[in-house]
C-alpha cells in the first residue's frame, strides 16, 4: 500500500516563486501525513489563464492580447530553471515523488506540461500536452510522442495525461500499452461531467486514477486581468473537484469543491491485478488481429542541424 496526496491548490497567479513556496509547503504537509506521491493540478506552476481571450478574435490580434501573452511567458518556467530545481530539492528532502502541471517556456513558445520528479529530486520524465483544447491552441505549442512516458514511482508505474487529452482514446491506449498503474490526470475541467470520465478510465485501464484541479477566484488574479466571464471578485473560475478512483471505478477520495485542500488515498497495486481478471485492454481483452495502434515516439524538431554543422541548440 502506498499513500498518495492530491494537492487541490490554486496558483499564486503569475508569480512562479510564490507558487513554488506554496508547493514546498504542501510537500512538507503531505510528507508529514505519510504520502509518498503528490499530484498537483494542470498549469499549477505558471498559471492557467482561465477566461482570457488574449485579444485574438479571428483575423486580428490586439496589443493588449500581446501583453497578456508576455505576462504568461514571463510567469512560465523552464525544465532546467530555478523554480523546478527548488521543487526537486524539496522532493528530495521530503522523499516524495512529485507530479506537477506547469506552463513550460521553451524559447518563445509555451507548453502545457506535466513534470514528474522522483523522490531523489531527479526529473523522471515530462509530458507536453499533445492537443491543447480550443483557444489554448493559440497560446501553447503541441507536444509530440517523445513525451509520453510511464515512469517508476513509489506507487507503481505512473503516467500523466492532461485535461481533455483524456478524451483521446488512442492516447489512453498508448498509456495502457505501457502498463500504467497510476494514471494522473491534472486538469482545469471542474464540471460535473469530469468525474464520470475519470471513473470510466479507471475501469477501462484497470488502473488507479488521480485527478487534480485548482481552486481559483477572480480575486486571485491581478486587478487588470481581462476575464471575459466570472468578473466579480468572488466569482469562481475553477472550483476543484479533485479525486482518486480505484481500478474498480470507485471514488475513494474526493471530490471536494470550492476549497483548497490536500486529499489522501491508499493505493494498492494488487487491486490492479485482481481487477484484470476480466479486463486487460492491451492484453487478453485486446484483438491485435483486428485493431492495432502505432505510436511515434521520435521527437519532432522544426530545425535540425547535422553533425559537424554549427547552429543554435534546438528545443
C-alpha atoms as a PDB file:
ATOM      1  CA  UNK A   1       0.000   0.000   0.000  1.00  0.00           C
ATOM      2  CA  UNK A   2       1.248   3.483  -0.895  1.00  0.00           C
ATOM      3  CA  UNK A   3      -0.216   6.714   0.412  1.00  0.00           C
ATOM      4  CA  UNK A   4      -0.817   9.346  -2.236  1.00  0.00           C
ATOM      5  CA  UNK A   5      -1.746  13.017  -1.854  1.00  0.00           C
ATOM      6  CA  UNK A   6      -3.692  15.242  -4.233  1.00  0.00           C
ATOM      7  CA  UNK A   7      -2.968  18.961  -3.947  1.00  0.00           C
ATOM      8  CA  UNK A   8      -6.182  20.832  -4.739  1.00  0.00           C
ATOM      9  CA  UNK A   9      -4.481  24.206  -4.622  1.00  0.00           C
ATOM     10  CA  UNK A  10      -4.512  27.345  -6.731  1.00  0.00           C
ATOM     11  CA  UNK A  11      -1.522  29.104  -8.225  1.00  0.00           C
ATOM     12  CA  UNK A  12      -0.230  32.401  -6.927  1.00  0.00           C
ATOM     13  CA  UNK A  13      -1.188  33.963 -10.226  1.00  0.00           C
ATOM     14  CA  UNK A  14       1.771  34.799 -12.488  1.00  0.00           C
ATOM     15  CA  UNK A  15       4.201  34.538  -9.553  1.00  0.00           C
ATOM     16  CA  UNK A  16       6.241  31.388 -10.018  1.00  0.00           C
ATOM     17  CA  UNK A  17       8.456  31.961  -6.973  1.00  0.00           C
ATOM     18  CA  UNK A  18       5.488  32.342  -4.638  1.00  0.00           C
ATOM     19  CA  UNK A  19       3.783  29.316  -6.181  1.00  0.00           C
ATOM     20  CA  UNK A  20       6.938  27.270  -5.570  1.00  0.00           C
ATOM     21  CA  UNK A  21       6.811  28.262  -1.891  1.00  0.00           C
ATOM     22  CA  UNK A  22       3.194  27.099  -1.768  1.00  0.00           C
ATOM     23  CA  UNK A  23       4.165  23.808  -3.401  1.00  0.00           C
ATOM     24  CA  UNK A  24       7.055  23.242  -0.982  1.00  0.00           C
ATOM     25  CA  UNK A  25       4.725  23.790   1.977  1.00  0.00           C
ATOM     26  CA  UNK A  26       2.249  21.287   0.525  1.00  0.00           C
ATOM     27  CA  UNK A  27       5.059  18.785   0.017  1.00  0.00           C
ATOM     28  CA  UNK A  28       6.078  19.061   3.651  1.00  0.00           C
ATOM     29  CA  UNK A  29       2.481  18.677   4.820  1.00  0.00           C
ATOM     30  CA  UNK A  30       1.910  15.639   2.615  1.00  0.00           C
ATOM     31  CA  UNK A  31       5.144  14.001   3.758  1.00  0.00           C
ATOM     32  CA  UNK A  32       4.152  14.534   7.403  1.00  0.00           C
ATOM     33  CA  UNK A  33       0.928  12.661   6.616  1.00  0.00           C
ATOM     34  CA  UNK A  34       2.888   9.746   5.190  1.00  0.00           C
ATOM     35  CA  UNK A  35       2.340  10.434   1.492  1.00  0.00           C
ATOM     36  CA  UNK A  36       4.972   9.125  -0.920  1.00  0.00           C
ATOM     37  CA  UNK A  37       3.457  10.676  -4.054  1.00  0.00           C
ATOM     38  CA  UNK A  38       1.766  14.062  -4.531  1.00  0.00           C
ATOM     39  CA  UNK A  39      -0.139  15.222  -7.615  1.00  0.00           C
ATOM     40  CA  UNK A  40      -0.688  18.923  -8.408  1.00  0.00           C
ATOM     41  CA  UNK A  41      -3.176  20.375 -10.955  1.00  0.00           C
ATOM     42  CA  UNK A  42      -2.717  21.391 -14.564  1.00  0.00           C
ATOM     43  CA  UNK A  43      -0.719  24.625 -15.007  1.00  0.00           C
ATOM     44  CA  UNK A  44      -0.236  24.987 -11.245  1.00  0.00           C
ATOM     45  CA  UNK A  45       3.232  26.470 -11.691  1.00  0.00           C
ATOM     46  CA  UNK A  46       2.903  29.201 -14.303  1.00  0.00           C
ATOM     47  CA  UNK A  47      -0.870  29.886 -14.027  1.00  0.00           C
ATOM     48  CA  UNK A  48      -3.813  28.655 -16.072  1.00  0.00           C
ATOM     49  CA  UNK A  49      -5.201  31.753 -17.904  1.00  0.00           C
ATOM     50  CA  UNK A  50      -8.874  30.932 -17.401  1.00  0.00           C
ATOM     51  CA  UNK A  51     -11.324  33.309 -19.123  1.00  0.00           C
ATOM     52  CA  UNK A  52      -8.699  35.228 -21.137  1.00  0.00           C
ATOM     53  CA  UNK A  53      -9.027  35.716 -24.896  1.00  0.00           C
ATOM     54  CA  UNK A  54      -5.531  37.114 -25.494  1.00  0.00           C
ATOM     55  CA  UNK A  55      -7.200  39.757 -27.642  1.00  0.00           C
ATOM     56  CA  UNK A  56      -7.433  37.400 -30.590  1.00  0.00           C
ATOM     57  CA  UNK A  57     -10.706  37.367 -32.489  1.00  0.00           C
ATOM     58  CA  UNK A  58     -10.444  35.599 -35.826  1.00  0.00           C
ATOM     59  CA  UNK A  59      -8.399  37.710 -38.204  1.00  0.00           C
ATOM     60  CA  UNK A  60      -6.968  40.103 -35.623  1.00  0.00           C
ATOM     61  CA  UNK A  61      -4.632  40.327 -32.626  1.00  0.00           C
ATOM     62  CA  UNK A  62      -4.564  43.283 -30.227  1.00  0.00           C
ATOM     63  CA  UNK A  63      -1.671  44.895 -28.403  1.00  0.00           C
ATOM     64  CA  UNK A  64      -3.450  44.148 -25.123  1.00  0.00           C
ATOM     65  CA  UNK A  65      -3.541  40.480 -26.075  1.00  0.00           C
ATOM     66  CA  UNK A  66       0.168  40.512 -26.808  1.00  0.00           C
ATOM     67  CA  UNK A  67       0.733  41.982 -23.343  1.00  0.00           C
ATOM     68  CA  UNK A  68      -1.293  39.116 -21.854  1.00  0.00           C
ATOM     69  CA  UNK A  69       0.903  36.615 -23.685  1.00  0.00           C
ATOM     70  CA  UNK A  70       4.016  38.383 -22.441  1.00  0.00           C
ATOM     71  CA  UNK A  71       2.788  38.091 -18.848  1.00  0.00           C
ATOM     72  CA  UNK A  72       2.150  34.363 -19.309  1.00  0.00           C
ATOM     73  CA  UNK A  73       5.563  33.889 -20.913  1.00  0.00           C
ATOM     74  CA  UNK A  74       7.329  35.720 -18.083  1.00  0.00           C
ATOM     75  CA  UNK A  75       5.465  33.626 -15.474  1.00  0.00           C
ATOM     76  CA  UNK A  76       6.337  30.323 -17.169  1.00  0.00           C
ATOM     77  CA  UNK A  77       9.220  28.087 -16.103  1.00  0.00           C
ATOM     78  CA  UNK A  78      11.960  26.144 -17.851  1.00  0.00           C
ATOM     79  CA  UNK A  79      12.577  22.471 -17.159  1.00  0.00           C
ATOM     80  CA  UNK A  80      16.121  23.211 -16.001  1.00  0.00           C
ATOM     81  CA  UNK A  81      15.231  26.503 -14.321  1.00  0.00           C
ATOM     82  CA  UNK A  82      15.493  27.539 -10.660  1.00  0.00           C
ATOM     83  CA  UNK A  83      11.790  27.114  -9.885  1.00  0.00           C
ATOM     84  CA  UNK A  84      11.689  23.403 -10.682  1.00  0.00           C
ATOM     85  CA  UNK A  85      15.115  22.973  -9.084  1.00  0.00           C
ATOM     86  CA  UNK A  86      13.583  24.244  -5.835  1.00  0.00           C
ATOM     87  CA  UNK A  87      10.670  21.818  -6.164  1.00  0.00           C
ATOM     88  CA  UNK A  88      13.115  18.995  -6.860  1.00  0.00           C
ATOM     89  CA  UNK A  89      15.149  19.855  -3.779  1.00  0.00           C
ATOM     90  CA  UNK A  90      12.004  19.783  -1.643  1.00  0.00           C
ATOM     91  CA  UNK A  91      11.026  16.432  -3.188  1.00  0.00           C
ATOM     92  CA  UNK A  92      14.447  15.064  -2.248  1.00  0.00           C
ATOM     93  CA  UNK A  93      14.310  16.453   1.281  1.00  0.00           C
ATOM     94  CA  UNK A  94      10.813  15.078   1.886  1.00  0.00           C
ATOM     95  CA  UNK A  95      11.378  11.867  -0.127  1.00  0.00           C
ATOM     96  CA  UNK A  96       8.143  12.448  -2.054  1.00  0.00           C
ATOM     97  CA  UNK A  97       7.517  11.788  -5.754  1.00  0.00           C
ATOM     98  CA  UNK A  98       6.004  14.912  -7.361  1.00  0.00           C
ATOM     99  CA  UNK A  99       3.648  15.193 -10.328  1.00  0.00           C
ATOM    100  CA  UNK A 100       3.099  18.861 -11.198  1.00  0.00           C
ATOM    101  CA  UNK A 101       1.400  20.742 -14.007  1.00  0.00           C
ATOM    102  CA  UNK A 102       3.486  23.663 -15.256  1.00  0.00           C
ATOM    103  CA  UNK A 103       3.495  26.188 -18.050  1.00  0.00           C
ATOM    104  CA  UNK A 104       6.808  25.395 -19.690  1.00  0.00           C
ATOM    105  CA  UNK A 105       8.779  28.048 -21.549  1.00  0.00           C
ATOM    106  CA  UNK A 106      10.990  26.780 -24.378  1.00  0.00           C
ATOM    107  CA  UNK A 107      12.385  29.698 -26.324  1.00  0.00           C
ATOM    108  CA  UNK A 108       9.415  31.876 -27.285  1.00  0.00           C
ATOM    109  CA  UNK A 109       6.891  29.032 -27.173  1.00  0.00           C
ATOM    110  CA  UNK A 110       4.862  27.886 -24.186  1.00  0.00           C
ATOM    111  CA  UNK A 111       3.745  24.328 -23.496  1.00  0.00           C
ATOM    112  CA  UNK A 112       1.238  22.962 -21.020  1.00  0.00           C
ATOM    113  CA  UNK A 113       3.438  20.332 -19.393  1.00  0.00           C
ATOM    114  CA  UNK A 114       3.452  17.882 -16.515  1.00  0.00           C
ATOM    115  CA  UNK A 115       6.764  17.189 -14.812  1.00  0.00           C
ATOM    116  CA  UNK A 116       7.442  14.052 -12.805  1.00  0.00           C
ATOM    117  CA  UNK A 117      10.173  14.481 -10.185  1.00  0.00           C
ATOM    118  CA  UNK A 118      11.226  11.386  -8.273  1.00  0.00           C
ATOM    119  CA  UNK A 119      11.767  11.091  -4.545  1.00  0.00           C
ATOM    120  CA  UNK A 120      15.508  11.634  -5.042  1.00  0.00           C
ATOM    121  CA  UNK A 121      14.876  15.001  -6.658  1.00  0.00           C
ATOM    122  CA  UNK A 122      15.564  13.902 -10.238  1.00  0.00           C
ATOM    123  CA  UNK A 123      13.416  14.661 -13.280  1.00  0.00           C
ATOM    124  CA  UNK A 124      11.937  11.243 -14.026  1.00  0.00           C
ATOM    125  CA  UNK A 125      10.052  12.452 -17.096  1.00  0.00           C
ATOM    126  CA  UNK A 126       7.794  15.110 -18.529  1.00  0.00           C
ATOM    127  CA  UNK A 127       4.751  15.209 -20.773  1.00  0.00           C
ATOM    128  CA  UNK A 128       3.810  18.092 -23.056  1.00  0.00           C
ATOM    129  CA  UNK A 129       0.105  18.319 -23.843  1.00  0.00           C
ATOM    130  CA  UNK A 130      -0.259  16.953 -27.362  1.00  0.00           C
ATOM    131  CA  UNK A 131      -3.602  18.610 -28.070  1.00  0.00           C
ATOM    132  CA  UNK A 132      -4.348  21.950 -26.410  1.00  0.00           C
ATOM    133  CA  UNK A 133      -8.101  22.480 -26.293  1.00  0.00           C
ATOM    134  CA  UNK A 134      -9.914  25.289 -28.101  1.00  0.00           C
ATOM    135  CA  UNK A 135      -8.283  28.674 -27.620  1.00  0.00           C
ATOM    136  CA  UNK A 136      -5.366  27.043 -25.783  1.00  0.00           C
ATOM    137  CA  UNK A 137      -4.009  26.266 -29.252  1.00  0.00           C
ATOM    138  CA  UNK A 138      -3.239  29.947 -29.742  1.00  0.00           C
ATOM    139  CA  UNK A 139      -1.022  30.268 -26.674  1.00  0.00           C
ATOM    140  CA  UNK A 140       0.518  26.787 -26.264  1.00  0.00           C
ATOM    141  CA  UNK A 141       2.580  24.655 -28.576  1.00  0.00           C
ATOM    142  CA  UNK A 142       1.812  20.988 -29.314  1.00  0.00           C
ATOM    143  CA  UNK A 143       3.747  18.214 -27.625  1.00  0.00           C
ATOM    144  CA  UNK A 144       4.898  15.201 -29.621  1.00  0.00           C
ATOM    145  CA  UNK A 145       5.180  11.484 -28.994  1.00  0.00           C
ATOM    146  CA  UNK A 146       8.578  11.789 -27.347  1.00  0.00           C
ATOM    147  CA  UNK A 147       6.993  12.973 -24.091  1.00  0.00           C
ATOM    148  CA  UNK A 148       4.501  10.207 -23.333  1.00  0.00           C
ATOM    149  CA  UNK A 149       6.427   8.400 -20.606  1.00  0.00           C
ATOM    150  CA  UNK A 150       5.296   5.966 -17.967  1.00  0.00           C
ATOM    151  CA  UNK A 151       7.872   6.043 -15.172  1.00  0.00           C
ATOM    152  CA  UNK A 152       8.579   4.186 -11.956  1.00  0.00           C
ATOM    153  CA  UNK A 153       7.184   5.742  -8.781  1.00  0.00           C
ATOM    154  CA  UNK A 154       6.678   4.531  -5.195  1.00  0.00           C
ATOM    155  CA  UNK A 155       3.028   3.839  -6.089  1.00  0.00           C
ATOM    156  CA  UNK A 156       3.805   1.933  -9.292  1.00  0.00           C
ATOM    157  CA  UNK A 157       4.163   2.687 -12.997  1.00  0.00           C
ATOM    158  CA  UNK A 158       2.978   6.292 -13.318  1.00  0.00           C
ATOM    159  CA  UNK A 159       1.972   8.404 -16.299  1.00  0.00           C
ATOM    160  CA  UNK A 160       0.230  11.718 -16.879  1.00  0.00           C
ATOM    161  CA  UNK A 161      -2.452  12.775 -19.357  1.00  0.00           C
ATOM    162  CA  UNK A 162      -3.612  16.394 -19.211  1.00  0.00           C
ATOM    163  CA  UNK A 163      -7.220  17.586 -19.146  1.00  0.00           C
ATOM    164  CA  UNK A 164      -9.087  16.919 -22.420  1.00  0.00           C
ATOM    165  CA  UNK A 165      -6.304  14.726 -23.753  1.00  0.00           C
ATOM    166  CA  UNK A 166      -8.185  12.173 -21.652  1.00  0.00           C
ATOM    167  CA  UNK A 167     -10.915  12.216 -24.304  1.00  0.00           C
ATOM    168  CA  UNK A 168      -8.426  10.903 -26.907  1.00  0.00           C
ATOM    169  CA  UNK A 169      -8.976   7.122 -26.991  1.00  0.00           C
ATOM    170  CA  UNK A 170      -5.704   6.402 -28.788  1.00  0.00           C
ATOM    171  CA  UNK A 171      -3.676   8.406 -26.283  1.00  0.00           C
ATOM    172  CA  UNK A 172      -5.286   6.443 -23.471  1.00  0.00           C
ATOM    173  CA  UNK A 173      -4.396   3.228 -25.296  1.00  0.00           C
ATOM    174  CA  UNK A 174      -0.793   4.417 -25.572  1.00  0.00           C
ATOM    175  CA  UNK A 175      -0.687   4.775 -21.790  1.00  0.00           C
ATOM    176  CA  UNK A 176      -2.356   1.415 -21.152  1.00  0.00           C
ATOM    177  CA  UNK A 177       0.109  -0.232 -23.517  1.00  0.00           C
ATOM    178  CA  UNK A 178       2.956   0.943 -21.283  1.00  0.00           C
ATOM    179  CA  UNK A 179       1.380  -0.723 -18.271  1.00  0.00           C
ATOM    180  CA  UNK A 180       0.332   2.443 -16.454  1.00  0.00           C
ATOM    181  CA  UNK A 181      -0.793   1.702 -12.896  1.00  0.00           C
ATOM    182  CA  UNK A 182      -1.187   5.250 -11.550  1.00  0.00           C
ATOM    183  CA  UNK A 183      -2.876   7.346 -14.223  1.00  0.00           C
ATOM    184  CA  UNK A 184      -2.547  11.039 -13.318  1.00  0.00           C
ATOM    185  CA  UNK A 185      -4.992  13.486 -14.889  1.00  0.00           C
ATOM    186  CA  UNK A 186      -4.177  17.083 -13.937  1.00  0.00           C
ATOM    187  CA  UNK A 187      -6.985  19.248 -15.304  1.00  0.00           C
ATOM    188  CA  UNK A 188      -8.728  22.611 -15.447  1.00  0.00           C
ATOM    189  CA  UNK A 189     -12.106  20.936 -16.038  1.00  0.00           C
ATOM    190  CA  UNK A 190     -14.287  21.386 -12.955  1.00  0.00           C
ATOM    191  CA  UNK A 191     -17.597  20.318 -14.486  1.00  0.00           C
ATOM    192  CA  UNK A 192     -19.875  17.566 -13.187  1.00  0.00           C
ATOM    193  CA  UNK A 193     -19.075  15.550 -16.313  1.00  0.00           C
ATOM    194  CA  UNK A 194     -15.384  15.229 -15.455  1.00  0.00           C
ATOM    195  CA  UNK A 195     -15.668  12.661 -12.673  1.00  0.00           C
ATOM    196  CA  UNK A 196     -17.570  10.115 -14.813  1.00  0.00           C
ATOM    197  CA  UNK A 197     -14.741  10.382 -17.348  1.00  0.00           C
ATOM    198  CA  UNK A 198     -12.194   9.587 -14.643  1.00  0.00           C
ATOM    199  CA  UNK A 199     -14.250   6.630 -13.419  1.00  0.00           C
ATOM    200  CA  UNK A 200     -14.507   5.313 -16.966  1.00  0.00           C
ATOM    201  CA  UNK A 201     -10.722   5.490 -17.418  1.00  0.00           C
ATOM    202  CA  UNK A 202     -10.122   3.673 -14.135  1.00  0.00           C
ATOM    203  CA  UNK A 203     -12.432   0.878 -15.254  1.00  0.00           C
ATOM    204  CA  UNK A 204     -11.169   0.816 -18.829  1.00  0.00           C
ATOM    205  CA  UNK A 205      -7.495   0.774 -17.900  1.00  0.00           C
ATOM    206  CA  UNK A 206      -7.881  -1.164 -14.642  1.00  0.00           C
ATOM    207  CA  UNK A 207      -5.647   1.456 -13.033  1.00  0.00           C
ATOM    208  CA  UNK A 208      -5.692   3.961 -10.222  1.00  0.00           C
ATOM    209  CA  UNK A 209      -6.717   7.394 -11.495  1.00  0.00           C
ATOM    210  CA  UNK A 210      -5.699  10.613  -9.748  1.00  0.00           C
ATOM    211  CA  UNK A 211      -7.200  13.880 -10.952  1.00  0.00           C
ATOM    212  CA  UNK A 212      -6.271  17.316  -9.596  1.00  0.00           C
ATOM    213  CA  UNK A 213      -7.864  20.693 -10.343  1.00  0.00           C
ATOM    214  CA  UNK A 214      -7.173  24.153  -8.962  1.00  0.00           C
ATOM    215  CA  UNK A 215      -9.460  26.386  -6.931  1.00  0.00           C
ATOM    216  CA  UNK A 216      -9.209  29.972  -8.207  1.00  0.00           C
ATOM    217  CA  UNK A 217     -11.468  33.013  -7.873  1.00  0.00           C
ATOM    218  CA  UNK A 218     -11.335  36.237  -9.844  1.00  0.00           C
ATOM    219  CA  UNK A 219      -9.798  37.939  -6.810  1.00  0.00           C
ATOM    220  CA  UNK A 220      -6.815  35.560  -7.030  1.00  0.00           C
ATOM    221  CA  UNK A 221      -5.782  37.155 -10.333  1.00  0.00           C
ATOM    222  CA  UNK A 222      -4.349  40.676 -10.900  1.00  0.00           C
ATOM    223  CA  UNK A 223      -6.701  43.667 -10.996  1.00  0.00           C
ATOM    224  CA  UNK A 224      -6.013  44.173 -14.711  1.00  0.00           C
ATOM    225  CA  UNK A 225      -6.820  40.534 -15.574  1.00  0.00           C
ATOM    226  CA  UNK A 226      -9.208  40.857 -18.517  1.00  0.00           C
ATOM    227  CA  UNK A 227     -11.511  37.909 -17.774  1.00  0.00           C
ATOM    228  CA  UNK A 228     -14.411  37.557 -20.210  1.00  0.00           C
ATOM    229  CA  UNK A 229     -16.573  35.811 -17.592  1.00  0.00           C
ATOM    230  CA  UNK A 230     -16.537  35.409 -13.801  1.00  0.00           C
ATOM    231  CA  UNK A 231     -15.652  39.085 -13.497  1.00  0.00           C
ATOM    232  CA  UNK A 232     -16.694  39.819  -9.899  1.00  0.00           C
ATOM    233  CA  UNK A 233     -14.071  39.335  -7.138  1.00  0.00           C
ATOM    234  CA  UNK A 234     -15.842  36.355  -5.531  1.00  0.00           C
ATOM    235  CA  UNK A 235     -16.679  34.670  -8.831  1.00  0.00           C
ATOM    236  CA  UNK A 236     -15.176  31.198  -9.148  1.00  0.00           C
ATOM    237  CA  UNK A 237     -13.000  30.470 -12.173  1.00  0.00           C
ATOM    238  CA  UNK A 238     -12.021  26.937 -11.104  1.00  0.00           C
ATOM    239  CA  UNK A 239     -13.739  25.072  -8.281  1.00  0.00           C
ATOM    240  CA  UNK A 240     -11.681  21.917  -7.848  1.00  0.00           C
ATOM    241  CA  UNK A 241     -13.317  18.508  -7.898  1.00  0.00           C
ATOM    242  CA  UNK A 242     -10.074  16.587  -7.353  1.00  0.00           C
ATOM    243  CA  UNK A 243     -10.432  12.872  -6.671  1.00  0.00           C
ATOM    244  CA  UNK A 244      -8.818   9.441  -6.554  1.00  0.00           C
ATOM    245  CA  UNK A 245     -10.553   6.499  -8.247  1.00  0.00           C
ATOM    246  CA  UNK A 246      -9.750   2.810  -7.802  1.00  0.00           C
ATOM    247  CA  UNK A 247      -9.429   0.189 -10.582  1.00  0.00           C
ATOM    248  CA  UNK A 248     -12.989  -0.808  -9.658  1.00  0.00           C
ATOM    249  CA  UNK A 249     -14.155   2.645 -10.761  1.00  0.00           C
ATOM    250  CA  UNK A 250     -14.948   3.580  -7.171  1.00  0.00           C
ATOM    251  CA  UNK A 251     -14.207   7.083  -5.881  1.00  0.00           C
ATOM    252  CA  UNK A 252     -12.029   6.593  -2.793  1.00  0.00           C
ATOM    253  CA  UNK A 253     -11.137  10.254  -2.111  1.00  0.00           C
ATOM    254  CA  UNK A 254     -12.980  13.427  -3.055  1.00  0.00           C
ATOM    255  CA  UNK A 255     -14.354  15.095  -4.961  1.00  0.00           C
ATOM    256  CA  UNK A 256     -14.020  18.307  -2.973  1.00  0.00           C
ATOM    257  CA  UNK A 257     -15.478  21.539  -4.337  1.00  0.00           C
ATOM    258  CA  UNK A 258     -14.719  25.194  -3.732  1.00  0.00           C
ATOM    259  CA  UNK A 259     -11.855  24.994  -1.256  1.00  0.00           C
ATOM    260  CA  UNK A 260      -8.133  24.373  -1.206  1.00  0.00           C
ATOM    261  CA  UNK A 261      -7.187  21.101   0.440  1.00  0.00           C
ATOM    262  CA  UNK A 262      -4.954  18.055   0.339  1.00  0.00           C
ATOM    263  CA  UNK A 263      -6.719  14.755  -0.332  1.00  0.00           C
ATOM    264  CA  UNK A 264      -5.215  11.389   0.617  1.00  0.00           C
ATOM    265  CA  UNK A 265      -5.761   7.815  -0.509  1.00  0.00           C
ATOM    266  CA  UNK A 266      -4.080   4.431  -0.100  1.00  0.00           C
ATOM    267  CA  UNK A 267      -3.110   2.805  -3.384  1.00  0.00           C
ATOM    268  CA  UNK A 268      -2.924  -0.993  -3.516  1.00  0.00           C
ATOM    269  CA  UNK A 269      -1.164  -2.254  -6.664  1.00  0.00           C
ATOM    270  CA  UNK A 270      -2.538  -5.756  -6.070  1.00  0.00           C
ATOM    271  CA  UNK A 271      -6.023  -4.423  -6.783  1.00  0.00           C
ATOM    272  CA  UNK A 272      -4.920  -3.676 -10.360  1.00  0.00           C
ATOM    273  CA  UNK A 273      -4.160  -7.337 -10.948  1.00  0.00           C
ATOM    274  CA  UNK A 274      -7.319  -8.506  -9.185  1.00  0.00           C
ATOM    275  CA  UNK A 275      -9.464  -6.332 -11.443  1.00  0.00           C
ATOM    276  CA  UNK A 276      -7.596  -7.534 -14.531  1.00  0.00           C
ATOM    277  CA  UNK A 277      -9.176 -10.985 -14.272  1.00  0.00           C
ATOM    278  CA  UNK A 278     -11.857  -9.914 -16.749  1.00  0.00           C
ATOM    279  CA  UNK A 279     -10.382  -6.818 -18.433  1.00  0.00           C
ATOM    280  CA  UNK A 280      -6.928  -6.019 -19.777  1.00  0.00           C
ATOM    281  CA  UNK A 281      -7.411  -3.788 -22.799  1.00  0.00           C
ATOM    282  CA  UNK A 282      -3.871  -4.225 -24.132  1.00  0.00           C
ATOM    283  CA  UNK A 283      -3.643  -7.852 -23.048  1.00  0.00           C
ATOM    284  CA  UNK A 284      -6.222 -10.623 -23.024  1.00  0.00           C
ATOM    285  CA  UNK A 285      -9.093  -8.236 -23.880  1.00  0.00           C
ATOM    286  CA  UNK A 286      -7.318  -6.907 -26.973  1.00  0.00           C
ATOM    287  CA  UNK A 287      -7.769  -8.077 -30.570  1.00  0.00           C
ATOM    288  CA  UNK A 288      -4.488  -7.179 -32.281  1.00  0.00           C
ATOM    289  CA  UNK A 289      -5.523  -9.243 -35.272  1.00  0.00           C
ATOM    290  CA  UNK A 290      -8.211  -6.606 -35.907  1.00  0.00           C
ATOM    291  CA  UNK A 291      -7.094  -3.422 -34.102  1.00  0.00           C
ATOM    292  CA  UNK A 292      -3.617  -2.007 -33.532  1.00  0.00           C
ATOM    293  CA  UNK A 293      -2.034   1.310 -32.603  1.00  0.00           C
ATOM    294  CA  UNK A 294       1.317   2.656 -33.750  1.00  0.00           C
ATOM    295  CA  UNK A 295       2.881   5.362 -31.556  1.00  0.00           C
ATOM    296  CA  UNK A 296       5.651   7.562 -32.969  1.00  0.00           C
ATOM    297  CA  UNK A 297       7.915   8.436 -30.034  1.00  0.00           C
ATOM    298  CA  UNK A 298      10.562  10.305 -32.029  1.00  0.00           C
ATOM    299  CA  UNK A 299      10.973  13.993 -31.145  1.00  0.00           C
ATOM    300  CA  UNK A 300       9.892  16.356 -33.907  1.00  0.00           C
ATOM    301  CA  UNK A 301      12.127  19.381 -34.451  1.00  0.00           C
ATOM    302  CA  UNK A 302      11.366  22.219 -36.882  1.00  0.00           C
ATOM    303  CA  UNK A 303      15.074  22.871 -37.429  1.00  0.00           C
ATOM    304  CA  UNK A 304      17.635  20.087 -37.188  1.00  0.00           C
ATOM    305  CA  UNK A 305      21.384  20.529 -37.565  1.00  0.00           C
ATOM    306  CA  UNK A 306      23.522  17.638 -38.794  1.00  0.00           C
ATOM    307  CA  UNK A 307      26.712  16.600 -37.057  1.00  0.00           C
ATOM    308  CA  UNK A 308      29.553  18.952 -37.728  1.00  0.00           C
ATOM    309  CA  UNK A 309      27.205  21.798 -38.692  1.00  0.00           C
ATOM    310  CA  UNK A 310      27.273  24.857 -36.500  1.00  0.00           C
ATOM    311  CA  UNK A 311      23.978  26.203 -35.357  1.00  0.00           C
ATOM    312  CA  UNK A 312      21.885  27.093 -32.338  1.00  0.00           C
ATOM    313  CA  UNK A 313      20.592  24.446 -29.974  1.00  0.00           C
ATOM    314  CA  UNK A 314      17.146  23.111 -30.794  1.00  0.00           C
ATOM    315  CA  UNK A 315      14.372  22.828 -28.227  1.00  0.00           C
END
